[in-house]
Protein backbone atom coordinates (compact mmCIF):
# COMPACT_ATOMS: atom_id res chain seq x y z
CA GLN A 1 0.00 0.00 0.00
CA VAL A 2 1.18 3.50 -0.85
CA HIS A 3 1.40 5.91 2.05
CA LEU A 4 1.74 9.66 1.58
CA ALA A 5 2.71 11.84 4.51
CA GLU A 6 2.40 15.61 4.25
CA SER A 7 4.29 18.00 6.48
CA GLY A 8 5.29 21.65 6.62
CA GLY A 9 1.95 23.28 7.23
CA GLY A 10 1.46 25.92 9.85
CA LEU A 11 0.54 29.50 10.54
CA VAL A 12 2.03 32.28 8.44
CA GLN A 13 1.34 35.96 7.91
CA ALA A 14 -0.05 37.20 4.61
CA GLY A 15 2.79 37.66 2.15
CA GLY A 16 4.88 34.99 3.79
CA SER A 17 6.03 31.61 2.56
CA LEU A 18 5.73 27.95 3.46
CA ARG A 19 7.17 24.80 1.96
CA LEU A 20 5.07 21.67 2.11
CA SER A 21 6.57 18.21 1.78
CA CYS A 22 4.98 14.93 0.74
CA GLN A 23 6.97 11.83 1.54
CA ALA A 24 5.82 8.74 -0.31
CA SER A 25 6.34 5.14 0.71
CA GLY A 26 5.34 1.90 -0.98
CA ARG A 27 6.22 3.08 -4.49
CA ASN A 28 8.96 5.31 -5.81
CA ILE A 29 7.46 8.53 -7.17
CA SER A 30 9.77 8.83 -10.17
CA HIS A 31 7.35 7.24 -12.64
CA TYR A 32 4.17 8.68 -11.22
CA THR A 33 2.31 11.95 -11.39
CA MET A 34 2.31 13.88 -8.13
CA ALA A 35 -0.13 16.60 -7.27
CA TRP A 36 -1.33 18.91 -4.55
CA PHE A 37 -4.94 19.69 -3.75
CA ARG A 38 -6.49 21.78 -1.03
CA ARG A 39 -9.79 22.02 0.78
CA ALA A 40 -10.81 25.21 2.51
CA LEU A 41 -13.42 25.23 5.25
CA GLY A 42 -16.85 25.15 3.67
CA LYS A 43 -15.42 24.57 0.19
CA GLU A 44 -14.92 21.57 -2.05
CA ARG A 45 -11.50 20.12 -2.69
CA GLU A 46 -9.59 22.21 -5.22
CA PHE A 47 -6.74 21.32 -7.55
CA VAL A 48 -3.54 23.26 -6.85
CA ALA A 49 -0.60 21.87 -8.83
CA THR A 50 0.70 18.80 -10.66
CA ILE A 51 4.17 17.63 -11.62
CA TYR A 52 4.71 14.94 -14.24
CA TRP A 53 7.50 12.42 -14.82
CA GLY A 54 9.77 14.73 -16.80
CA GLY A 55 9.22 17.71 -14.56
CA SER A 56 6.46 19.44 -16.50
CA THR A 57 4.04 21.25 -14.24
CA HIS A 58 0.52 22.57 -14.26
CA TYR A 59 -1.03 25.03 -11.82
CA ALA A 60 -4.42 26.32 -10.89
CA ASP A 61 -4.91 29.91 -12.01
CA SER A 62 -5.29 31.01 -8.41
CA VAL A 63 -1.71 30.02 -7.52
CA LYS A 64 0.20 30.65 -10.74
CA GLY A 65 3.27 32.77 -10.15
CA ARG A 66 3.15 32.17 -6.40
CA PHE A 67 3.40 28.40 -5.90
CA THR A 68 6.00 26.00 -7.24
CA ILE A 69 5.65 22.22 -7.25
CA SER A 70 8.80 20.11 -7.39
CA ARG A 71 10.01 16.62 -6.68
CA ASP A 72 13.13 14.90 -5.41
CA ASN A 73 12.98 11.37 -6.72
CA ALA A 74 16.00 10.26 -4.70
CA LYS A 75 14.17 11.23 -1.53
CA ASN A 76 10.81 10.00 -2.82
CA THR A 77 9.38 13.36 -1.88
CA ALA A 78 7.29 16.01 -3.58
CA TYR A 79 7.20 19.64 -2.48
CA LEU A 80 5.00 22.67 -2.77
CA GLN A 81 6.77 25.98 -2.28
CA MET A 82 4.17 28.61 -1.48
CA ASN A 83 5.14 32.27 -1.69
CA SER A 84 3.17 35.49 -1.36
CA LEU A 85 0.55 33.65 0.63
CA LYS A 86 -2.92 35.12 0.92
CA PRO A 87 -5.63 34.50 3.51
CA GLU A 88 -7.65 32.73 0.83
CA ASP A 89 -4.87 30.13 0.62
CA THR A 90 -5.91 28.92 4.06
CA ALA A 91 -6.88 25.27 3.67
CA VAL A 92 -5.92 21.70 4.37
CA TYR A 93 -3.42 20.72 1.69
CA PHE A 94 -3.40 17.14 0.40
CA CYS A 95 -0.75 15.29 -1.54
CA ASN A 96 -1.88 12.96 -4.31
CA GLN A 97 -0.16 10.26 -6.36
CA ASP A 98 -1.52 9.05 -9.70
CA SER A 99 -4.95 10.45 -8.84
CA ILE A 100 -5.41 7.42 -6.60
CA TYR A 101 -3.49 7.77 -3.35
CA TRP A 102 -3.96 10.58 -0.85
CA GLY A 103 -2.18 11.85 2.20
CA GLN A 104 -3.93 12.85 5.40
CA GLY A 105 -3.46 16.55 4.76
CA THR A 106 -1.58 19.35 6.46
CA GLN A 107 -3.17 22.57 7.65
CA VAL A 108 -2.03 25.88 6.20
CA THR A 109 -3.36 29.01 7.86
CA VAL A 110 -2.57 32.45 6.47
CA ALA A 111 -3.33 35.31 8.82
CA SER A 112 -4.57 38.61 7.45
């Protein structure tokens, strides 16, 4: 079974930065698509960013220019660097592998 463990969430002031990590076990991430989603209180789960095998990326319009998804295959870890954070970025952030496996989520709170 694949297990994804997110970390790096926390409280940050508007305009600040956080780096989320997603450590995968069970399967090496090198040949799989990794993605980040988020779910704000009272909202449905929202796509944030995806990184493919060769490093190509895709972002939701709401985070373009502010967030960067990356991966370190040697460490079997995906990352989400979040800059210029806004209060509306407040959500539980979930890591996803191959659109099948999910982490438990990590809370990101951006204070206004």
